[in-house]
PDB file of N, CA and C in Angstrom:
ATOM      1  N   MET A   1      34.658 -28.282 -12.436  1.00  0.00           N
ATOM      2  CA  MET A   1      35.822 -28.269 -11.654  1.00  0.00           C
ATOM      3  C   MET A   1      34.717 -28.820 -10.902  1.00  0.00           C
ATOM      4  N   ASN A   2      33.658 -28.583 -10.800  1.00  0.00           N
ATOM      5  CA  ASN A   2      32.272 -28.406  -9.904  1.00  0.00           C
ATOM      6  C   ASN A   2      31.626 -30.355 -10.058  1.00  0.00           C
ATOM      7  N   ALA A   3      32.118 -30.733 -11.324  1.00  0.00           N
ATOM      8  CA  ALA A   3      31.785 -32.651 -11.152  1.00  0.00           C
ATOM      9  C   ALA A   3      32.877 -33.294 -10.044  1.00  0.00           C
ATOM     10  N   VAL A   4      33.789 -32.458 -10.174  1.00  0.00           N
ATOM     11  CA  VAL A   4      34.767 -33.666  -9.468  1.00  0.00           C
ATOM     12  C   VAL A   4      34.165 -33.081  -7.811  1.00  0.00           C
ATOM     13  N   TRP A   5      34.310 -31.844  -8.020  1.00  0.00           N
ATOM     14  CA  TRP A   5      33.875 -31.885  -5.594  1.00  0.00           C
ATOM     15  C   TRP A   5      32.569 -32.165  -6.012  1.00  0.00           C
ATOM     16  N   LYS A   6      31.504 -32.519  -6.735  1.00  0.00           N
ATOM     17  CA  LYS A   6      30.097 -32.806  -6.117  1.00  0.00           C
ATOM     18  C   LYS A   6      30.389 -34.367  -6.052  1.00  0.00           C
ATOM     19  N   LYS A   7      31.054 -35.152  -6.226  1.00  0.00           N
ATOM     20  CA  LYS A   7      31.411 -36.209  -5.664  1.00  0.00           C
ATOM     21  C   LYS A   7      32.135 -36.566  -4.403  1.00  0.00           C
ATOM     22  N   LEU A   8      33.127 -35.674  -4.207  1.00  0.00           N
ATOM     23  CA  LEU A   8      33.758 -35.715  -3.016  1.00  0.00           C
ATOM     24  C   LEU A   8      33.292 -35.235  -2.461  1.00  0.00           C
ATOM     25  N   TRP A   9      32.852 -34.337  -2.135  1.00  0.00           N
ATOM     26  CA  TRP A   9      32.150 -32.564  -1.594  1.00  0.00           C
ATOM     27  C   TRP A   9      30.879 -32.453  -1.623  1.00  0.00           C
ATOM     28  N   PRO A  10      29.818 -32.719  -2.083  1.00  0.00           N
ATOM     29  CA  PRO A  10      28.552 -32.259  -2.525  1.00  0.00           C
ATOM     30  C   PRO A  10      28.084 -30.784  -2.187  1.00  0.00           C
ATOM     31  N   GLU A  11      28.513 -30.466  -1.017  1.00  0.00           N
ATOM     32  CA  GLU A  11      27.956 -29.441   0.418  1.00  0.00           C
ATOM     33  C   GLU A  11      28.580 -28.088  -0.381  1.00  0.00           C
ATOM     34  N   CYS A  12      29.903 -28.527  -1.407  1.00  0.00           N
ATOM     35  CA  CYS A  12      30.188 -27.173  -1.491  1.00  0.00           C
ATOM     36  C   CYS A  12      29.878 -26.985  -2.915  1.00  0.00           C
ATOM     37  N   VAL A  13      29.513 -27.501  -3.812  1.00  0.00           N
ATOM     38  CA  VAL A  13      29.604 -27.320  -5.271  1.00  0.00           C
ATOM     39  C   VAL A  13      28.630 -26.254  -5.481  1.00  0.00           C
ATOM     40  N   HIS A  14      28.390 -25.038  -5.918  1.00  0.00           N
ATOM     41  CA  HIS A  14      27.089 -24.032  -6.326  1.00  0.00           C
ATOM     42  C   HIS A  14      26.503 -24.403  -7.315  1.00  0.00           C
ATOM     43  N   ASN A  15      25.103 -23.845  -7.540  1.00  0.00           N
ATOM     44  CA  ASN A  15      24.664 -24.852  -8.397  1.00  0.00           C
ATOM     45  C   ASN A  15      23.551 -23.508  -8.675  1.00  0.00           C
ATOM     46  N   PHE A  16      24.745 -22.501  -9.188  1.00  0.00           N
ATOM     47  CA  PHE A  16      24.069 -21.204  -9.110  1.00  0.00           C
ATOM     48  C   PHE A  16      23.507 -21.260 -11.078  1.00  0.00           C
ATOM     49  N   LYS A  17      22.622 -20.908 -11.232  1.00  0.00           N
ATOM     50  CA  LYS A  17      22.233 -20.900 -12.750  1.00  0.00           C
ATOM     51  C   LYS A  17      21.617 -20.184 -13.438  1.00  0.00           C
ATOM     52  N   GLY A  18      22.481 -18.725 -12.244  1.00  0.00           N
ATOM     53  CA  GLY A  18      21.689 -17.727 -13.212  1.00  0.00           C
ATOM     54  C   GLY A  18      21.073 -16.565 -12.458  1.00  0.00           C
ATOM     55  N   PHE A  19      21.008 -15.519 -12.512  1.00  0.00           N
ATOM     56  CA  PHE A  19      19.766 -14.463 -12.089  1.00  0.00           C
ATOM     57  C   PHE A  19      18.209 -14.685 -12.785  1.00  0.00           C
ATOM     58  N   PRO A  20      17.080 -14.925 -12.150  1.00  0.00           N
ATOM     59  CA  PRO A  20      16.130 -14.514 -13.120  1.00  0.00           C
ATOM     60  C   PRO A  20      15.872 -13.625 -13.676  1.00  0.00           C
ATOM     61  N   GLU A  21      15.245 -14.138 -14.940  1.00  0.00           N
ATOM     62  CA  GLU A  21      14.561 -12.893 -15.596  1.00  0.00           C
ATOM     63  C   GLU A  21      14.076 -11.340 -15.000  1.00  0.00           C
ATOM     64  N   PRO A  22      14.486 -10.593 -14.801  1.00  0.00           N
ATOM     65  CA  PRO A  22      14.208  -9.395 -14.290  1.00  0.00           C
ATOM     66  C   PRO A  22      12.713  -8.981 -15.244  1.00  0.00           C
ATOM     67  N   THR A  23      12.062  -9.567 -15.198  1.00  0.00           N
ATOM     68  CA  THR A  23      11.031  -8.918 -15.702  1.00  0.00           C
ATOM     69  C   THR A  23       9.245  -8.093 -14.410  1.00  0.00           C
ATOM     70  N   PRO A  24       9.903  -8.616 -13.494  1.00  0.00           N
ATOM     71  CA  PRO A  24       8.687  -7.975 -12.862  1.00  0.00           C
ATOM     72  C   PRO A  24       9.573  -6.721 -12.736  1.00  0.00           C
ATOM     73  N   VAL A  25      10.758  -6.639 -12.497  1.00  0.00           N
ATOM     74  CA  VAL A  25      11.692  -5.412 -11.556  1.00  0.00           C
ATOM     75  C   VAL A  25      11.397  -4.670 -13.305  1.00  0.00           C
ATOM     76  N   VAL A  26      11.239  -4.667 -13.718  1.00  0.00           N
ATOM     77  CA  VAL A  26      11.113  -3.926 -15.830  1.00  0.00           C
ATOM     78  C   VAL A  26       9.713  -3.388 -15.279  1.00  0.00           C
ATOM     79  N   ARG A  27       8.925  -4.251 -15.224  1.00  0.00           N
ATOM     80  CA  ARG A  27       7.550  -3.868 -15.411  1.00  0.00           C
ATOM     81  C   ARG A  27       7.878  -2.480 -13.679  1.00  0.00           C
ATOM     82  N   GLU A  28       8.342  -2.741 -13.123  1.00  0.00           N
ATOM     83  CA  GLU A  28       7.815  -1.816 -11.784  1.00  0.00           C
ATOM     84  C   GLU A  28       8.162  -0.337 -12.052  1.00  0.00           C
ATOM     85  N   ILE A  29       9.801  -0.997 -12.817  1.00  0.00           N
ATOM     86  CA  ILE A  29      10.778   0.386 -13.424  1.00  0.00           C
ATOM     87  C   ILE A  29       9.641   1.510 -14.292  1.00  0.00           C
ATOM     88  N   VAL A  30       9.365   0.499 -15.753  1.00  0.00           N
ATOM     89  CA  VAL A  30       8.325   1.195 -16.391  1.00  0.00           C
ATOM     90  C   VAL A  30       7.157   1.860 -15.523  1.00  0.00           C
ATOM     91  N   ASN A  31       6.492   0.829 -14.493  1.00  0.00           N
ATOM     92  CA  ASN A  31       5.265   1.795 -13.600  1.00  0.00           C
ATOM     93  C   ASN A  31       5.781   3.434 -13.223  1.00  0.00           C
ATOM     94  N   LEU A  32       7.212   3.360 -12.462  1.00  0.00           N
ATOM     95  CA  LEU A  32       7.015   4.025 -11.758  1.00  0.00           C
ATOM     96  C   LEU A  32       7.735   5.357 -12.732  1.00  0.00           C
ATOM     97  N   ALA A  33       8.126   5.396 -14.263  1.00  0.00           N
ATOM     98  CA  ALA A  33       8.507   6.080 -15.419  1.00  0.00           C
ATOM     99  C   ALA A  33       7.119   6.436 -15.598  1.00  0.00           C
ATOM    100  N   HIS A  34       5.947   5.632 -15.703  1.00  0.00           N
ATOM    101  CA  HIS A  34       4.764   6.313 -16.120  1.00  0.00           C
ATOM    102  C   HIS A  34       4.133   7.402 -14.651  1.00  0.00           C
ATOM    103  N   THR A  35       4.687   6.813 -13.775  1.00  0.00           N
ATOM    104  CA  THR A  35       3.739   7.399 -12.950  1.00  0.00           C
ATOM    105  C   THR A  35       4.600   9.201 -12.706  1.00  0.00           C
ATOM    106  N   ALA A  36       5.976   9.273 -12.824  1.00  0.00           N
ATOM    107  CA  ALA A  36       6.512  10.357 -13.319  1.00  0.00           C
ATOM    108  C   ALA A  36       6.090  11.014 -14.152  1.00  0.00           C
ATOM    109  N   GLY A  37       5.882  10.571 -15.370  1.00  0.00           N
ATOM    110  CA  GLY A  37       5.503  11.460 -16.463  1.00  0.00           C
ATOM    111  C   GLY A  37       5.855  10.577 -17.558  1.00  0.00           C
ATOM    112  N   MET A  38       6.911   9.291 -17.909  1.00  0.00           N
ATOM    113  CA  MET A  38       7.225   9.628 -18.541  1.00  0.00           C
ATOM    114  C   MET A  38       6.789   8.445 -19.493  1.00  0.00           C
ATOM    115  N   ASP A  39       5.489   8.504 -19.866  1.00  0.00           N
ATOM    116  CA  ASP A  39       4.383   7.583 -20.948  1.00  0.00           C
ATOM    117  C   ASP A  39       5.329   7.010 -22.467  1.00  0.00           C
ATOM    118  N   GLU A  40       6.619   7.459 -22.467  1.00  0.00           N
ATOM    119  CA  GLU A  40       7.408   7.192 -23.560  1.00  0.00           C
ATOM    120  C   GLU A  40       7.454   5.927 -23.181  1.00  0.00           C
ATOM    121  N   VAL A  41       8.019   5.609 -21.831  1.00  0.00           N
ATOM    122  CA  VAL A  41       9.277   4.593 -21.972  1.00  0.00           C
ATOM    123  C   VAL A  41       8.589   3.020 -21.636  1.00  0.00           C
ATOM    124  N   GLY A  42       9.449   2.543 -22.320  1.00  0.00           N
ATOM    125  CA  GLY A  42       8.681   0.977 -22.293  1.00  0.00           C
ATOM    126  C   GLY A  42       9.545   0.045 -21.537  1.00  0.00           C
ATOM    127  N   GLU A  43       9.418  -1.164 -21.377  1.00  0.00           N
ATOM    128  CA  GLU A  43      10.339  -2.424 -21.095  1.00  0.00           C
ATOM    129  C   GLU A  43      10.902  -2.479 -21.908  1.00  0.00           C
ATOM    130  N   GLU A  44      11.416  -2.483 -23.434  1.00  0.00           N
ATOM    131  CA  GLU A  44      12.481  -2.552 -24.528  1.00  0.00           C
ATOM    132  C   GLU A  44      13.155  -1.663 -24.112  1.00  0.00           C
ATOM    133  N   ASP A  45      13.166   0.154 -23.183  1.00  0.00           N
ATOM    134  CA  ASP A  45      14.289   1.006 -22.968  1.00  0.00           C
ATOM    135  C   ASP A  45      14.733   0.810 -22.275  1.00  0.00           C
ATOM    136  N   ILE A  46      14.489  -0.283 -21.205  1.00  0.00           N
ATOM    137  CA  ILE A  46      14.763  -0.720 -19.703  1.00  0.00           C
ATOM    138  C   ILE A  46      15.918  -1.376 -19.799  1.00  0.00           C
ATOM    139  N   VAL A  47      15.054  -2.557 -20.888  1.00  0.00           N
ATOM    140  CA  VAL A  47      15.911  -3.694 -21.283  1.00  0.00           C
ATOM    141  C   VAL A  47      17.321  -3.478 -21.617  1.00  0.00           C
ATOM    142  N   GLU A  48      17.047  -2.333 -22.765  1.00  0.00           N
ATOM    143  CA  GLU A  48      18.618  -1.932 -23.582  1.00  0.00           C
ATOM    144  C   GLU A  48      19.522  -0.959 -22.915  1.00  0.00           C
ATOM    145  N   LEU A  49      18.542  -0.095 -21.420  1.00  0.00           N
ATOM    146  CA  LEU A  49      19.484   0.346 -21.265  1.00  0.00           C
ATOM    147  C   LEU A  49      20.224   0.073 -20.217  1.00  0.00           C
ATOM    148  N   LEU A  50      19.917  -1.063 -19.398  1.00  0.00           N
ATOM    149  CA  LEU A  50      20.773  -2.324 -18.697  1.00  0.00           C
ATOM    150  C   LEU A  50      21.280  -2.667 -18.740  1.00  0.00           C
ATOM    151  N   ALA A  51      21.856  -3.120 -20.705  1.00  0.00           N
ATOM    152  CA  ALA A  51      22.121  -3.868 -21.343  1.00  0.00           C
ATOM    153  C   ALA A  51      23.453  -2.518 -21.842  1.00  0.00           C
ATOM    154  N   SER A  52      23.098  -1.500 -21.815  1.00  0.00           N
ATOM    155  CA  SER A  52      24.265  -0.801 -22.616  1.00  0.00           C
ATOM    156  C   SER A  52      25.251  -0.501 -21.847  1.00  0.00           C
ATOM    157  N   HIS A  53      24.868  -0.637 -19.894  1.00  0.00           N
ATOM    158  CA  HIS A  53      25.866  -0.730 -19.347  1.00  0.00           C
ATOM    159  C   HIS A  53      27.221  -1.851 -19.145  1.00  0.00           C
ATOM    160  N   ASP A  54      26.649  -2.447 -19.653  1.00  0.00           N
ATOM    161  CA  ASP A  54      28.036  -4.159 -20.338  1.00  0.00           C
ATOM    162  C   ASP A  54      29.025  -3.379 -20.726  1.00  0.00           C
ATOM    163  N   GLU A  55      28.413  -2.506 -21.916  1.00  0.00           N
ATOM    164  CA  GLU A  55      29.176  -2.198 -23.004  1.00  0.00           C
ATOM    165  C   GLU A  55      30.351  -0.928 -22.507  1.00  0.00           C
ATOM    166  N   GLU A  56      31.494  -0.771 -23.926  1.00  0.00           N
ATOM    167  CA  GLU A  56      32.697   0.184 -23.192  1.00  0.00           C
ATOM    168  C   GLU A  56      32.510   1.254 -23.475  1.00  0.00           C
ATOM    169  N   LEU A  57      32.780   2.589 -23.354  1.00  0.00           N
ATOM    170  CA  LEU A  57      32.008   3.742 -24.295  1.00  0.00           C
ATOM    171  C   LEU A  57      33.345   3.933 -25.321  1.00  0.00           C
ATOM    172  N   SER A  58      32.782   4.179 -26.312  1.00  0.00           N
ATOM    173  CA  SER A  58      33.820   4.577 -27.407  1.00  0.00           C
ATOM    174  C   SER A  58      34.474   5.945 -27.198  1.00  0.00           C
ATOM    175  N   ASN A  59      35.850   6.483 -27.966  1.00  0.00           N
ATOM    176  CA  ASN A  59      36.524   7.729 -27.355  1.00  0.00           C
ATOM    177  C   ASN A  59      35.603   8.776 -27.676  1.00  0.00           C
ATOM    178  N   GLU A  60      35.022   8.485 -28.549  1.00  0.00           N
ATOM    179  CA  GLU A  60      33.751   9.010 -29.060  1.00  0.00           C
ATOM    180  C   GLU A  60      32.993   9.521 -28.109  1.00  0.00           C
ATOM    181  N   ASP A  61      32.510   8.858 -27.423  1.00  0.00           N
ATOM    182  CA  ASP A  61      31.344   8.738 -26.710  1.00  0.00           C
ATOM    183  C   ASP A  61      31.989   9.450 -24.682  1.00  0.00           C
ATOM    184  N   LEU A  62      33.392   8.991 -25.262  1.00  0.00           N
ATOM    185  CA  LEU A  62      34.100   9.606 -23.917  1.00  0.00           C
ATOM    186  C   LEU A  62      34.072  11.131 -23.880  1.00  0.00           C
ATOM    187  N   MET A  63      34.566  11.324 -25.359  1.00  0.00           N
ATOM    188  CA  MET A  63      34.665  12.680 -25.505  1.00  0.00           C
ATOM    189  C   MET A  63      34.278  13.619 -25.589  1.00  0.00           C
ATOM    190  N   ALA A  64      33.156  13.468 -26.064  1.00  0.00           N
ATOM    191  CA  ALA A  64      31.106  14.432 -25.770  1.00  0.00           C
ATOM    192  C   ALA A  64      31.100  14.105 -24.130  1.00  0.00           C
ATOM    193  N   ILE A  65      31.115  13.052 -23.616  1.00  0.00           N
ATOM    194  CA  ILE A  65      31.141  13.752 -22.126  1.00  0.00           C
ATOM    195  C   ILE A  65      32.078  14.562 -21.691  1.00  0.00           C
ATOM    196  N   GLU A  66      32.995  14.689 -21.563  1.00  0.00           N
ATOM    197  CA  GLU A  66      34.046  15.550 -22.078  1.00  0.00           C
ATOM    198  C   GLU A  66      33.979  16.457 -22.007  1.00  0.00           C
ATOM    199  N   GLN A  67      33.671  17.388 -22.929  1.00  0.00           N
ATOM    200  CA  GLN A  67      33.015  18.687 -24.001  1.00  0.00           C
ATOM    201  C   GLN A  67      31.446  18.968 -23.074  1.00  0.00           C
ATOM    202  N   VAL A  68      30.765  18.000 -22.269  1.00  0.00           N
ATOM    203  CA  VAL A  68      29.369  18.115 -21.287  1.00  0.00           C
ATOM    204  C   VAL A  68      29.710  18.604 -20.630  1.00  0.00           C
ATOM    205  N   ARG A  69      31.374  18.357 -19.617  1.00  0.00           N
ATOM    206  CA  ARG A  69      30.800  18.840 -18.785  1.00  0.00           C
ATOM    207  C   ARG A  69      31.915  19.776 -18.178  1.00  0.00           C
ATOM    208  N   ALA A  70      33.114  20.203 -19.620  1.00  0.00           N
ATOM    209  CA  ALA A  70      33.651  20.953 -19.545  1.00  0.00           C
ATOM    210  C   ALA A  70      32.694  22.313 -19.603  1.00  0.00           C
ATOM    211  N   LEU A  71      31.329  22.366 -20.568  1.00  0.00           N
ATOM    212  CA  LEU A  71      30.594  23.432 -21.050  1.00  0.00           C
ATOM    213  C   LEU A  71      29.741  23.765 -19.964  1.00  0.00           C
ATOM    214  N   GLU A  72      29.236  23.036 -18.787  1.00  0.00           N
ATOM    215  CA  GLU A  72      28.336  22.335 -17.830  1.00  0.00           C
ATOM    216  C   GLU A  72      29.484  23.635 -16.533  1.00  0.00           C
ATOM    217  N   GLU A  73      30.327  23.070 -16.627  1.00  0.00           N
ATOM    218  CA  GLU A  73      31.825  23.652 -15.473  1.00  0.00           C
ATOM    219  C   GLU A  73      31.804  25.277 -15.872  1.00  0.00           C
ATOM    220  N   GLU A  74      31.984  25.682 -16.996  1.00  0.00           N
ATOM    221  CA  GLU A  74      31.910  26.962 -17.343  1.00  0.00           C
ATOM    222  C   GLU A  74      30.851  27.442 -17.503  1.00  0.00           C
ATOM    223  N   THR A  75      30.043  27.556 -17.728  1.00  0.00           N
ATOM    224  CA  THR A  75      28.195  28.061 -17.469  1.00  0.00           C
ATOM    225  C   THR A  75      28.869  27.907 -15.877  1.00  0.00           C
ATOM    226  N   ALA A  76      29.055  27.342 -14.907  1.00  0.00           N
ATOM    227  CA  ALA A  76      28.489  27.568 -13.408  1.00  0.00           C
ATOM    228  C   ALA A  76      29.557  28.466 -13.506  1.00  0.00           C
ATOM    229  N   GLU A  77      30.822  28.762 -13.913  1.00  0.00           N
ATOM    230  CA  GLU A  77      31.600  29.885 -13.448  1.00  0.00           C
ATOM    231  C   GLU A  77      30.830  31.373 -13.577  1.00  0.00           C
ATOM    232  N   GLU A  78      30.271  31.236 -15.080  1.00  0.00           N
ATOM    233  CA  GLU A  78      29.935  32.928 -15.420  1.00  0.00           C
ATOM    234  C   GLU A  78      28.614  32.786 -14.458  1.00  0.00           C
ATOM    235  N   ASP A  79      28.039  31.739 -14.093  1.00  0.00           N
ATOM    236  CA  ASP A  79      27.177  32.142 -13.179  1.00  0.00           C
ATOM    237  C   ASP A  79      27.078  32.456 -11.738  1.00  0.00           C
ATOM    238  N   ASP A  80      28.446  32.184 -11.041  1.00  0.00           N
ATOM    239  CA  ASP A  80      28.666  32.372  -9.652  1.00  0.00           C
ATOM    240  C   ASP A  80      29.793  32.829  -9.679  1.00  0.00           C
ATOM    241  N   PRO A  81      29.453  34.256  -9.611  1.00  0.00           N
ATOM    242  CA  PRO A  81      30.653  35.043  -9.221  1.00  0.00           C
ATOM    243  C   PRO A  81      31.268  34.934  -8.206  1.00  0.00           C
ATOM    244  N   ASP A  82      33.246  35.090  -7.773  1.00  0.00           N
ATOM    245  CA  ASP A  82      34.179  35.030  -7.477  1.00  0.00           C
ATOM    246  C   ASP A  82      33.274  35.585  -5.778  1.00  0.00           C
ATOM    247  N   ARG A  83      33.175  34.463  -5.041  1.00  0.00           N
ATOM    248  CA  ARG A  83      32.873  35.125  -3.335  1.00  0.00           C
ATOM    249  C   ARG A  83      34.005  34.943  -2.423  1.00  0.00           C
ATOM    250  N   SER A  84      34.230  35.825  -2.050  1.00  0.00           N
ATOM    251  CA  SER A  84      35.139  36.099  -0.835  1.00  0.00           C
ATOM    252  C   SER A  84      34.616  35.992   0.102  1.00  0.00           C
ATOM    253  N   PHE A  85      34.800  35.693   1.176  1.00  0.00           N
ATOM    254  CA  PHE A  85      35.194  35.643   2.497  1.00  0.00           C
ATOM    255  C   PHE A  85      35.172  36.667   3.060  1.00  0.00           C
ATOM    256  N   THR A  86      34.969  37.431   4.414  1.00  0.00           N
ATOM    257  CA  THR A  86      35.627  38.259   5.338  1.00  0.00           C
ATOM    258  C   THR A  86      35.476  38.301   6.422  1.00  0.00           C
TER     259      THR A  86
END
């Protein structure tokens, strides 16, 4: 479609080639992680984490997340006795 519009109205055609490689940003994230004491974090870990956000969670993953949430909620209820305002 851009090829046709480029001949008719070149100002309207976008030449977006994609985002640049996030290497400087990834390096900065790794540096921040090292500053925070997480020396084992590397660039590959950050790239893998970012790529994982594009994947859908499996049913098993969703069930595990729900179990953790329910356990945390149960623990929070045990720690906080009922508070009544008077």
